[in-house]
Amino acid sequence: MVMVTGSALLIEDVQNDFCSGGSLAVPDGDAVVPVLNRYIELFLESGLPVYASRDWHPEGSSHFSVAGGIWPVHCVQGSAGAQFHPDLRLPDDVIVLSKGMDPAEDGFSSFEAINEEGLPFSACLEEQRVDHLFVGGLATDYCVKYTVLEALRRGFSVTLLIDAVRGVDLNPGDSETAIREMVLAGAIVACLESF
């Protein structure tokens, strides 16, 4: 697969709380880290931008089960669980996107996120003339799916990095269903061997 001008890598929510030992650990979630590190290298070698989204919830988020949601408390702003996985080799110029900051919203899609200057993700992409997103991270059946589907709705081309995603699978098969949904909506599926 050829990465051309207009392409960008989006790493979705590879945070401690979603990895081994975290409060909402995705099964085998840590396995995406070395694969994503290789993708990061490829994008940096090509001079293309790298974005990293993160859940950045306030303590009182309605997203949490203690406030009526379905999820355990996770990725609270400033907590150790909200930090990126320590082995994820994010570049110095990575663009960090924070989402889920509204206590009344789930914030699944990175299109609900803002960068550190408060610029919405869509505006960041426009500024860098990105029209093709390569997406990997956690979790396949939630934030990855919502982001990919929203990107496609907005007219972006999307490549799902199938070897760099893992799902929660609250119900068995949720991740497979999510992948089918993304492909039917127009996402391309690729892995490192394609590059």
N, C-alpha and C. Protein backbone atom coordinates (compact mmCIF):
# COMPACT_ATOMS: atom_id res chain seq x y z
N MET A 1 0.85 -1.19 0.00
CA MET A 1 0.00 0.00 0.00
C MET A 1 0.88 1.24 0.00
N VAL A 2 0.56 2.17 -0.87
CA VAL A 2 1.35 3.39 -0.98
C VAL A 2 0.68 4.49 -0.17
N MET A 3 1.47 5.08 0.72
CA MET A 3 0.97 6.22 1.50
C MET A 3 1.40 7.49 0.78
N VAL A 4 0.43 8.29 0.42
CA VAL A 4 0.72 9.49 -0.36
C VAL A 4 0.35 10.73 0.44
N THR A 5 0.74 11.88 -0.08
CA THR A 5 0.35 13.15 0.53
C THR A 5 -1.16 13.15 0.74
N GLY A 6 -1.58 13.59 1.91
CA GLY A 6 -3.00 13.57 2.24
C GLY A 6 -3.37 12.42 3.15
N SER A 7 -2.39 11.53 3.42
CA SER A 7 -2.62 10.41 4.34
C SER A 7 -2.17 10.79 5.74
N ALA A 8 -2.81 10.18 6.74
CA ALA A 8 -2.41 10.38 8.13
C ALA A 8 -2.73 9.11 8.91
N LEU A 9 -1.96 8.89 9.96
CA LEU A 9 -2.18 7.76 10.87
C LEU A 9 -2.92 8.26 12.11
N LEU A 10 -4.01 7.56 12.46
CA LEU A 10 -4.74 7.86 13.69
C LEU A 10 -4.66 6.65 14.60
N ILE A 11 -4.08 6.86 15.78
CA ILE A 11 -3.99 5.82 16.79
C ILE A 11 -5.07 6.09 17.83
N GLU A 12 -5.99 5.15 17.92
CA GLU A 12 -7.18 5.36 18.74
C GLU A 12 -6.98 4.77 20.15
N ASP A 13 -6.88 5.63 21.16
CA ASP A 13 -7.07 5.28 22.58
C ASP A 13 -6.20 4.13 23.11
N VAL A 14 -4.91 4.12 22.78
CA VAL A 14 -4.03 3.08 23.31
C VAL A 14 -3.51 3.57 24.66
N GLN A 15 -4.40 3.49 25.65
CA GLN A 15 -4.18 4.03 26.99
C GLN A 15 -4.11 2.91 28.02
N ASN A 16 -3.48 3.21 29.14
CA ASN A 16 -3.25 2.17 30.15
C ASN A 16 -4.53 1.48 30.61
N ASP A 17 -5.61 2.23 30.78
CA ASP A 17 -6.84 1.62 31.28
C ASP A 17 -7.46 0.63 30.29
N PHE A 18 -7.08 0.73 29.01
CA PHE A 18 -7.60 -0.20 28.00
C PHE A 18 -6.64 -1.36 27.73
N CYS A 19 -5.50 -1.36 28.43
CA CYS A 19 -4.49 -2.40 28.23
C CYS A 19 -4.40 -3.29 29.47
N SER A 20 -3.55 -4.28 29.43
CA SER A 20 -3.44 -5.27 30.50
C SER A 20 -3.31 -4.60 31.87
N GLY A 21 -4.16 -5.01 32.82
CA GLY A 21 -4.14 -4.45 34.16
C GLY A 21 -4.97 -3.20 34.33
N GLY A 22 -5.53 -2.68 33.23
CA GLY A 22 -6.33 -1.46 33.29
C GLY A 22 -7.75 -1.73 33.76
N SER A 23 -8.45 -0.68 34.11
CA SER A 23 -9.81 -0.84 34.66
C SER A 23 -10.83 -1.28 33.62
N LEU A 24 -10.50 -1.10 32.32
CA LEU A 24 -11.38 -1.53 31.23
C LEU A 24 -10.51 -2.18 30.15
N ALA A 25 -9.74 -3.19 30.58
CA ALA A 25 -8.76 -3.81 29.70
C ALA A 25 -9.43 -4.53 28.53
N VAL A 26 -8.97 -4.21 27.33
CA VAL A 26 -9.43 -4.89 26.12
C VAL A 26 -8.63 -6.19 26.00
N PRO A 27 -9.29 -7.32 25.82
CA PRO A 27 -8.55 -8.58 25.69
C PRO A 27 -7.46 -8.49 24.62
N ASP A 28 -6.23 -8.79 25.01
CA ASP A 28 -5.08 -8.77 24.10
C ASP A 28 -4.79 -7.36 23.57
N GLY A 29 -5.27 -6.35 24.29
CA GLY A 29 -5.09 -4.97 23.83
C GLY A 29 -3.64 -4.56 23.66
N ASP A 30 -2.76 -5.08 24.51
CA ASP A 30 -1.34 -4.71 24.43
C ASP A 30 -0.71 -5.13 23.11
N ALA A 31 -1.31 -6.14 22.45
CA ALA A 31 -0.73 -6.67 21.21
C ALA A 31 -0.68 -5.63 20.10
N VAL A 32 -1.49 -4.58 20.19
CA VAL A 32 -1.47 -3.58 19.12
C VAL A 32 -0.24 -2.68 19.19
N VAL A 33 0.41 -2.62 20.35
CA VAL A 33 1.47 -1.63 20.56
C VAL A 33 2.66 -1.83 19.62
N PRO A 34 3.28 -3.02 19.56
CA PRO A 34 4.42 -3.16 18.64
C PRO A 34 4.03 -2.98 17.17
N VAL A 35 2.84 -3.37 16.82
CA VAL A 35 2.38 -3.20 15.43
C VAL A 35 2.22 -1.71 15.12
N LEU A 36 1.58 -0.98 16.03
CA LEU A 36 1.42 0.47 15.84
C LEU A 36 2.76 1.18 15.80
N ASN A 37 3.71 0.72 16.59
CA ASN A 37 5.04 1.34 16.56
C ASN A 37 5.65 1.23 15.16
N ARG A 38 5.43 0.11 14.50
CA ARG A 38 5.95 -0.05 13.13
C ARG A 38 5.22 0.89 12.17
N TYR A 39 3.90 1.00 12.33
CA TYR A 39 3.16 1.95 11.48
C TYR A 39 3.65 3.38 11.72
N ILE A 40 3.89 3.73 12.97
CA ILE A 40 4.40 5.07 13.28
C ILE A 40 5.70 5.32 12.52
N GLU A 41 6.61 4.35 12.54
CA GLU A 41 7.88 4.48 11.82
C GLU A 41 7.64 4.73 10.33
N LEU A 42 6.72 3.96 9.75
CA LEU A 42 6.44 4.10 8.31
C LEU A 42 5.89 5.48 7.97
N PHE A 43 5.00 5.98 8.82
CA PHE A 43 4.42 7.29 8.55
C PHE A 43 5.46 8.40 8.75
N LEU A 44 6.30 8.26 9.76
CA LEU A 44 7.34 9.26 9.98
C LEU A 44 8.33 9.27 8.81
N GLU A 45 8.70 8.07 8.33
CA GLU A 45 9.62 7.98 7.19
C GLU A 45 9.04 8.66 5.96
N SER A 46 7.71 8.64 5.85
CA SER A 46 7.04 9.26 4.70
C SER A 46 6.71 10.73 4.94
N GLY A 47 7.03 11.24 6.13
CA GLY A 47 6.75 12.65 6.44
C GLY A 47 5.28 12.95 6.61
N LEU A 48 4.50 11.94 7.03
CA LEU A 48 3.05 12.10 7.17
C LEU A 48 2.66 12.27 8.64
N PRO A 49 1.56 12.98 8.91
CA PRO A 49 1.18 13.26 10.30
C PRO A 49 0.67 12.04 11.05
N VAL A 50 0.92 12.06 12.37
CA VAL A 50 0.44 11.02 13.28
C VAL A 50 -0.42 11.69 14.35
N TYR A 51 -1.65 11.19 14.49
CA TYR A 51 -2.58 11.65 15.52
C TYR A 51 -2.76 10.53 16.54
N ALA A 52 -2.95 10.90 17.79
CA ALA A 52 -3.25 9.91 18.84
C ALA A 52 -4.42 10.43 19.66
N SER A 53 -5.54 9.71 19.62
CA SER A 53 -6.69 10.12 20.42
C SER A 53 -6.61 9.49 21.80
N ARG A 54 -7.31 10.12 22.73
CA ARG A 54 -7.38 9.57 24.09
C ARG A 54 -8.73 9.91 24.69
N ASP A 55 -9.27 8.94 25.44
CA ASP A 55 -10.39 9.24 26.31
C ASP A 55 -9.86 10.13 27.43
N TRP A 56 -10.59 11.16 27.76
CA TRP A 56 -10.11 12.15 28.74
C TRP A 56 -11.33 12.59 29.56
N HIS A 57 -11.88 11.61 30.29
CA HIS A 57 -13.15 11.81 30.97
C HIS A 57 -13.01 12.58 32.28
N PRO A 58 -14.00 13.42 32.60
CA PRO A 58 -14.07 14.00 33.95
C PRO A 58 -14.51 12.93 34.94
N GLU A 59 -14.22 13.14 36.20
CA GLU A 59 -14.56 12.13 37.22
C GLU A 59 -16.04 11.82 37.26
N GLY A 60 -16.90 12.80 37.03
CA GLY A 60 -18.34 12.58 37.16
C GLY A 60 -19.04 12.20 35.88
N SER A 61 -18.31 11.63 34.92
CA SER A 61 -18.91 11.33 33.62
C SER A 61 -20.09 10.36 33.72
N SER A 62 -21.16 10.68 33.00
CA SER A 62 -22.33 9.80 32.95
C SER A 62 -22.03 8.52 32.17
N HIS A 63 -20.88 8.47 31.55
CA HIS A 63 -20.38 7.32 30.81
C HIS A 63 -20.09 6.15 31.77
N PHE A 64 -19.82 6.48 33.05
CA PHE A 64 -19.41 5.47 34.04
C PHE A 64 -20.60 4.83 34.73
N SER A 65 -20.44 3.57 35.11
CA SER A 65 -21.53 2.83 35.76
C SER A 65 -21.95 3.46 37.09
N VAL A 66 -21.01 4.10 37.77
CA VAL A 66 -21.35 4.74 39.06
C VAL A 66 -22.29 5.93 38.86
N ALA A 67 -22.39 6.41 37.60
CA ALA A 67 -23.27 7.55 37.30
C ALA A 67 -24.38 7.15 36.33
N GLY A 68 -24.61 5.85 36.18
CA GLY A 68 -25.70 5.39 35.34
C GLY A 68 -25.30 4.86 33.98
N GLY A 69 -24.01 4.95 33.63
CA GLY A 69 -23.53 4.42 32.35
C GLY A 69 -23.27 2.92 32.45
N ILE A 70 -22.59 2.38 31.45
CA ILE A 70 -22.32 0.93 31.48
C ILE A 70 -20.86 0.58 31.70
N TRP A 71 -19.98 1.59 31.79
CA TRP A 71 -18.55 1.32 31.83
C TRP A 71 -17.96 1.56 33.22
N PRO A 72 -16.97 0.76 33.61
CA PRO A 72 -16.24 1.09 34.84
C PRO A 72 -15.50 2.42 34.67
N VAL A 73 -15.17 3.05 35.77
CA VAL A 73 -14.42 4.31 35.71
C VAL A 73 -13.10 4.05 34.99
N HIS A 74 -12.79 4.88 33.97
CA HIS A 74 -11.57 4.69 33.21
C HIS A 74 -11.13 6.01 32.58
N CYS A 75 -9.85 6.12 32.34
CA CYS A 75 -9.25 7.25 31.60
C CYS A 75 -9.72 8.60 32.15
N VAL A 76 -9.69 8.72 33.47
CA VAL A 76 -10.04 10.00 34.10
C VAL A 76 -8.89 10.98 33.86
N GLN A 77 -9.26 12.20 33.51
CA GLN A 77 -8.27 13.23 33.18
C GLN A 77 -7.15 13.29 34.21
N GLY A 78 -5.90 13.18 33.71
CA GLY A 78 -4.73 13.31 34.56
C GLY A 78 -4.34 12.05 35.31
N SER A 79 -5.13 11.00 35.22
CA SER A 79 -4.82 9.77 35.96
C SER A 79 -3.80 8.92 35.22
N ALA A 80 -3.18 7.97 35.94
CA ALA A 80 -2.21 7.06 35.31
C ALA A 80 -2.90 6.21 34.25
N GLY A 81 -4.16 5.85 34.50
CA GLY A 81 -4.89 5.03 33.54
C GLY A 81 -5.17 5.73 32.23
N ALA A 82 -5.18 7.06 32.25
CA ALA A 82 -5.46 7.83 31.04
C ALA A 82 -4.21 8.05 30.19
N GLN A 83 -3.05 7.72 30.74
CA GLN A 83 -1.81 7.93 29.99
C GLN A 83 -1.70 6.91 28.85
N PHE A 84 -0.98 7.29 27.81
CA PHE A 84 -0.74 6.36 26.71
C PHE A 84 0.13 5.20 27.20
N HIS A 85 -0.04 4.04 26.58
CA HIS A 85 0.75 2.86 26.94
C HIS A 85 2.23 3.22 26.91
N PRO A 86 2.99 2.85 27.96
CA PRO A 86 4.39 3.30 28.04
C PRO A 86 5.28 2.80 26.90
N ASP A 87 4.90 1.72 26.24
CA ASP A 87 5.73 1.19 25.15
C ASP A 87 5.34 1.75 23.78
N LEU A 88 4.28 2.55 23.73
CA LEU A 88 3.86 3.16 22.47
C LEU A 88 4.80 4.30 22.15
N ARG A 89 5.49 4.20 21.01
CA ARG A 89 6.52 5.18 20.68
C ARG A 89 5.94 6.31 19.84
N LEU A 90 5.21 7.18 20.51
CA LEU A 90 4.61 8.32 19.82
C LEU A 90 5.70 9.33 19.46
N PRO A 91 5.64 9.90 18.27
CA PRO A 91 6.66 10.89 17.88
C PRO A 91 6.51 12.18 18.68
N ASP A 92 7.58 12.96 18.70
CA ASP A 92 7.57 14.22 19.45
C ASP A 92 6.49 15.17 18.93
N ASP A 93 6.21 15.10 17.63
CA ASP A 93 5.24 16.03 17.06
C ASP A 93 3.85 15.40 16.89
N VAL A 94 3.59 14.33 17.65
CA VAL A 94 2.26 13.71 17.58
C VAL A 94 1.19 14.74 17.95
N ILE A 95 0.06 14.67 17.28
CA ILE A 95 -1.06 15.56 17.59
C ILE A 95 -2.01 14.78 18.49
N VAL A 96 -2.08 15.17 19.76
CA VAL A 96 -2.93 14.48 20.73
C VAL A 96 -4.34 15.05 20.67
N LEU A 97 -5.30 14.15 20.58
CA LEU A 97 -6.72 14.52 20.50
C LEU A 97 -7.43 14.02 21.75
N SER A 98 -8.12 14.89 22.46
CA SER A 98 -8.83 14.51 23.69
C SER A 98 -10.32 14.51 23.44
N LYS A 99 -11.00 13.47 23.96
CA LYS A 99 -12.44 13.35 23.76
C LYS A 99 -13.09 12.78 25.02
N GLY A 100 -14.43 12.84 25.05
CA GLY A 100 -15.14 12.36 26.23
C GLY A 100 -15.09 13.32 27.40
N MET A 101 -14.79 14.57 27.12
CA MET A 101 -14.64 15.55 28.21
C MET A 101 -15.96 16.11 28.69
N ASP A 102 -16.99 16.01 27.86
CA ASP A 102 -18.33 16.43 28.27
C ASP A 102 -18.91 15.33 29.15
N PRO A 103 -19.25 15.64 30.41
CA PRO A 103 -19.75 14.60 31.31
C PRO A 103 -21.03 13.94 30.86
N ALA A 104 -21.73 14.54 29.91
CA ALA A 104 -22.99 13.98 29.43
C ALA A 104 -22.84 13.17 28.15
N GLU A 105 -21.60 13.08 27.63
CA GLU A 105 -21.38 12.40 26.34
C GLU A 105 -20.43 11.22 26.50
N ASP A 106 -20.63 10.20 25.65
CA ASP A 106 -19.71 9.06 25.63
C ASP A 106 -18.38 9.43 24.99
N GLY A 107 -18.43 10.18 23.92
CA GLY A 107 -17.20 10.59 23.24
C GLY A 107 -16.49 9.44 22.56
N PHE A 108 -17.23 8.56 21.89
CA PHE A 108 -16.60 7.43 21.22
C PHE A 108 -15.78 7.86 20.00
N SER A 109 -16.31 8.76 19.19
CA SER A 109 -15.65 9.12 17.94
C SER A 109 -14.58 10.19 18.14
N SER A 110 -13.47 10.02 17.44
CA SER A 110 -12.42 11.05 17.50
C SER A 110 -12.87 12.35 16.84
N PHE A 111 -13.95 12.31 16.09
CA PHE A 111 -14.47 13.55 15.52
C PHE A 111 -15.17 14.41 16.57
N GLU A 112 -15.28 13.90 17.79
CA GLU A 112 -15.74 14.70 18.92
C GLU A 112 -14.56 15.27 19.71
N ALA A 113 -13.34 14.99 19.24
CA ALA A 113 -12.13 15.37 19.98
C ALA A 113 -11.59 16.72 19.53
N ILE A 114 -10.75 17.28 20.39
CA ILE A 114 -10.03 18.52 20.08
C ILE A 114 -8.54 18.31 20.36
N ASN A 115 -7.71 19.10 19.68
CA ASN A 115 -6.27 19.02 19.97
C ASN A 115 -5.94 19.89 21.17
N GLU A 116 -4.66 19.99 21.49
CA GLU A 116 -4.26 20.69 22.71
C GLU A 116 -4.52 22.19 22.64
N GLU A 117 -4.76 22.71 21.42
CA GLU A 117 -5.09 24.14 21.27
C GLU A 117 -6.60 24.35 21.20
N GLY A 118 -7.36 23.26 21.32
CA GLY A 118 -8.82 23.38 21.27
C GLY A 118 -9.43 23.28 19.89
N LEU A 119 -8.61 22.95 18.89
CA LEU A 119 -9.08 22.83 17.51
C LEU A 119 -9.74 21.47 17.30
N PRO A 120 -10.95 21.42 16.75
CA PRO A 120 -11.60 20.13 16.50
C PRO A 120 -10.78 19.28 15.53
N PHE A 121 -10.89 17.96 15.68
CA PHE A 121 -10.15 17.03 14.84
C PHE A 121 -10.37 17.30 13.35
N SER A 122 -11.63 17.54 12.98
CA SER A 122 -11.93 17.79 11.55
C SER A 122 -11.16 19.00 11.04
N ALA A 123 -11.03 20.02 11.88
CA ALA A 123 -10.28 21.23 11.48
C ALA A 123 -8.78 20.93 11.38
N CYS A 124 -8.28 20.08 12.27
CA CYS A 124 -6.87 19.66 12.19
C CYS A 124 -6.60 18.98 10.85
N LEU A 125 -7.51 18.09 10.46
CA LEU A 125 -7.35 17.37 9.20
C LEU A 125 -7.40 18.31 8.01
N GLU A 126 -8.32 19.24 8.07
CA GLU A 126 -8.44 20.23 6.99
C GLU A 126 -7.17 21.06 6.88
N GLU A 127 -6.65 21.46 8.04
CA GLU A 127 -5.45 22.30 8.09
C GLU A 127 -4.25 21.57 7.45
N GLN A 128 -4.19 20.24 7.67
CA GLN A 128 -3.07 19.46 7.14
C GLN A 128 -3.41 18.78 5.81
N ARG A 129 -4.57 19.14 5.27
CA ARG A 129 -5.02 18.62 3.97
C ARG A 129 -5.03 17.10 3.93
N VAL A 130 -5.53 16.51 5.00
CA VAL A 130 -5.65 15.06 5.09
C VAL A 130 -6.99 14.63 4.50
N ASP A 131 -6.94 13.63 3.62
CA ASP A 131 -8.19 13.08 3.09
C ASP A 131 -8.26 11.56 3.21
N HIS A 132 -7.20 10.95 3.73
CA HIS A 132 -7.18 9.49 3.90
C HIS A 132 -6.62 9.15 5.28
N LEU A 133 -7.45 8.54 6.11
CA LEU A 133 -7.04 8.16 7.46
C LEU A 133 -6.73 6.67 7.51
N PHE A 134 -5.61 6.34 8.13
CA PHE A 134 -5.26 4.96 8.46
C PHE A 134 -5.47 4.82 9.96
N VAL A 135 -6.35 3.91 10.36
CA VAL A 135 -6.80 3.86 11.75
C VAL A 135 -6.47 2.52 12.40
N GLY A 136 -5.86 2.60 13.60
CA GLY A 136 -5.62 1.43 14.43
C GLY A 136 -5.82 1.81 15.88
N GLY A 137 -5.90 0.82 16.76
CA GLY A 137 -6.02 1.11 18.18
C GLY A 137 -7.15 0.35 18.85
N LEU A 138 -7.72 0.98 19.88
CA LEU A 138 -8.70 0.32 20.75
C LEU A 138 -9.94 1.20 20.92
N ALA A 139 -11.07 0.61 20.95
CA ALA A 139 -11.37 -0.79 20.71
C ALA A 139 -12.15 -0.90 19.40
N THR A 140 -11.96 -2.01 18.70
CA THR A 140 -12.54 -2.22 17.37
C THR A 140 -14.03 -1.90 17.34
N ASP A 141 -14.74 -2.39 18.35
CA ASP A 141 -16.21 -2.35 18.33
C ASP A 141 -16.80 -1.09 18.97
N TYR A 142 -15.95 -0.17 19.39
CA TYR A 142 -16.45 1.10 19.95
C TYR A 142 -15.75 2.29 19.30
N CYS A 143 -14.69 2.78 19.91
CA CYS A 143 -14.11 4.03 19.41
C CYS A 143 -13.56 3.92 18.00
N VAL A 144 -12.93 2.78 17.67
CA VAL A 144 -12.43 2.61 16.30
C VAL A 144 -13.61 2.63 15.33
N LYS A 145 -14.63 1.85 15.62
CA LYS A 145 -15.79 1.77 14.73
C LYS A 145 -16.46 3.14 14.56
N TYR A 146 -16.75 3.82 15.66
CA TYR A 146 -17.45 5.11 15.58
C TYR A 146 -16.62 6.13 14.80
N THR A 147 -15.31 6.12 15.00
CA THR A 147 -14.44 7.07 14.30
C THR A 147 -14.40 6.77 12.80
N VAL A 148 -14.22 5.49 12.47
CA VAL A 148 -14.14 5.11 11.06
C VAL A 148 -15.44 5.44 10.33
N LEU A 149 -16.57 5.09 10.93
CA LEU A 149 -17.85 5.36 10.29
C LEU A 149 -18.10 6.85 10.12
N GLU A 150 -17.72 7.63 11.12
CA GLU A 150 -17.89 9.09 11.03
C GLU A 150 -16.98 9.66 9.94
N ALA A 151 -15.74 9.16 9.86
CA ALA A 151 -14.82 9.63 8.83
C ALA A 151 -15.38 9.35 7.43
N LEU A 152 -15.92 8.16 7.25
CA LEU A 152 -16.49 7.80 5.96
C LEU A 152 -17.70 8.68 5.62
N ARG A 153 -18.53 8.94 6.64
CA ARG A 153 -19.69 9.82 6.43
C ARG A 153 -19.27 11.23 6.00
N ARG A 154 -18.11 11.64 6.50
CA ARG A 154 -17.61 12.98 6.20
C ARG A 154 -16.83 13.03 4.89
N GLY A 155 -16.73 11.90 4.19
CA GLY A 155 -16.09 11.90 2.88
C GLY A 155 -14.62 11.53 2.86
N PHE A 156 -14.06 11.11 4.00
CA PHE A 156 -12.67 10.67 4.02
C PHE A 156 -12.57 9.24 3.49
N SER A 157 -11.43 8.91 2.89
CA SER A 157 -11.09 7.52 2.66
C SER A 157 -10.50 6.97 3.95
N VAL A 158 -10.79 5.72 4.26
CA VAL A 158 -10.31 5.13 5.51
C VAL A 158 -9.73 3.74 5.26
N THR A 159 -8.54 3.52 5.81
CA THR A 159 -7.95 2.19 5.84
C THR A 159 -7.93 1.72 7.28
N LEU A 160 -8.59 0.60 7.55
CA LEU A 160 -8.59 -0.01 8.88
C LEU A 160 -7.39 -0.94 8.97
N LEU A 161 -6.51 -0.66 9.92
CA LEU A 161 -5.29 -1.46 10.10
C LEU A 161 -5.66 -2.68 10.95
N ILE A 162 -6.03 -3.73 10.29
CA ILE A 162 -6.68 -4.87 10.92
C ILE A 162 -5.77 -5.60 11.92
N ASP A 163 -4.46 -5.49 11.73
CA ASP A 163 -3.53 -6.15 12.66
C ASP A 163 -3.21 -5.26 13.86
N ALA A 164 -3.78 -4.06 13.89
CA ALA A 164 -3.48 -3.11 14.96
C ALA A 164 -4.74 -2.67 15.71
N VAL A 165 -5.77 -3.54 15.68
CA VAL A 165 -6.99 -3.27 16.45
C VAL A 165 -7.35 -4.50 17.28
N ARG A 166 -8.00 -4.25 18.40
CA ARG A 166 -8.57 -5.32 19.23
C ARG A 166 -9.89 -4.79 19.80
N GLY A 167 -10.82 -5.71 20.09
CA GLY A 167 -12.14 -5.30 20.52
C GLY A 167 -12.49 -5.73 21.94
N VAL A 168 -13.51 -5.07 22.47
CA VAL A 168 -14.01 -5.37 23.82
C VAL A 168 -14.84 -6.67 23.79
N ASP A 169 -15.70 -6.78 22.76
CA ASP A 169 -16.58 -7.95 22.62
C ASP A 169 -17.44 -8.18 23.87
N LEU A 170 -18.16 -7.12 24.26
CA LEU A 170 -19.13 -7.29 25.36
C LEU A 170 -20.06 -8.45 25.04
N ASN A 171 -20.46 -8.54 23.79
CA ASN A 171 -21.20 -9.69 23.27
C ASN A 171 -20.28 -10.40 22.28
N PRO A 172 -20.21 -11.73 22.36
CA PRO A 172 -19.33 -12.45 21.44
C PRO A 172 -19.61 -12.07 19.98
N GLY A 173 -18.54 -11.79 19.25
CA GLY A 173 -18.69 -11.45 17.84
C GLY A 173 -18.87 -9.97 17.55
N ASP A 174 -18.91 -9.12 18.59
CA ASP A 174 -19.10 -7.68 18.36
C ASP A 174 -18.03 -7.10 17.44
N SER A 175 -16.78 -7.53 17.64
CA SER A 175 -15.69 -6.97 16.84
C SER A 175 -15.81 -7.38 15.38
N GLU A 176 -16.13 -8.63 15.14
CA GLU A 176 -16.31 -9.09 13.76
C GLU A 176 -17.45 -8.33 13.09
N THR A 177 -18.53 -8.13 13.84
CA THR A 177 -19.67 -7.37 13.30
C THR A 177 -19.24 -5.94 12.98
N ALA A 178 -18.45 -5.33 13.88
CA ALA A 178 -17.99 -3.96 13.66
C ALA A 178 -17.11 -3.86 12.42
N ILE A 179 -16.24 -4.84 12.22
CA ILE A 179 -15.37 -4.82 11.03
C ILE A 179 -16.22 -4.93 9.76
N ARG A 180 -17.20 -5.82 9.77
CA ARG A 180 -18.08 -5.94 8.60
C ARG A 180 -18.80 -4.63 8.33
N GLU A 181 -19.27 -3.99 9.40
CA GLU A 181 -19.99 -2.72 9.26
C GLU A 181 -19.10 -1.65 8.65
N MET A 182 -17.84 -1.59 9.09
CA MET A 182 -16.91 -0.59 8.56
C MET A 182 -16.59 -0.85 7.09
N VAL A 183 -16.40 -2.13 6.74
CA VAL A 183 -16.09 -2.48 5.36
C VAL A 183 -17.29 -2.20 4.45
N LEU A 184 -18.47 -2.54 4.91
CA LEU A 184 -19.68 -2.27 4.12
C LEU A 184 -19.88 -0.77 3.89
N ALA A 185 -19.42 0.04 4.86
CA ALA A 185 -19.55 1.50 4.73
C ALA A 185 -18.47 2.09 3.83
N GLY A 186 -17.46 1.27 3.47
CA GLY A 186 -16.44 1.75 2.53
C GLY A 186 -15.00 1.71 3.01
N ALA A 187 -14.76 1.21 4.24
CA ALA A 187 -13.38 1.14 4.73
C ALA A 187 -12.61 0.06 3.98
N ILE A 188 -11.34 0.33 3.75
CA ILE A 188 -10.40 -0.65 3.18
C ILE A 188 -9.71 -1.33 4.37
N VAL A 189 -9.44 -2.62 4.26
CA VAL A 189 -8.74 -3.33 5.33
C VAL A 189 -7.32 -3.63 4.86
N ALA A 190 -6.34 -3.36 5.73
CA ALA A 190 -4.94 -3.61 5.38
C ALA A 190 -4.16 -4.05 6.62
N CYS A 191 -3.00 -4.63 6.39
CA CYS A 191 -2.10 -4.99 7.48
C CYS A 191 -0.67 -4.65 7.07
N LEU A 192 0.28 -4.85 7.98
CA LEU A 192 1.66 -4.45 7.71
C LEU A 192 2.21 -5.05 6.42
N GLU A 193 1.81 -6.29 6.13
CA GLU A 193 2.30 -6.95 4.92
C GLU A 193 1.89 -6.21 3.65
N SER A 194 0.85 -5.36 3.77
CA SER A 194 0.37 -4.60 2.60
C SER A 194 1.26 -3.39 2.29
N PHE A 195 2.14 -3.03 3.23
CA PHE A 195 2.89 -1.80 3.09
C PHE A 195 4.28 -2.06 2.51
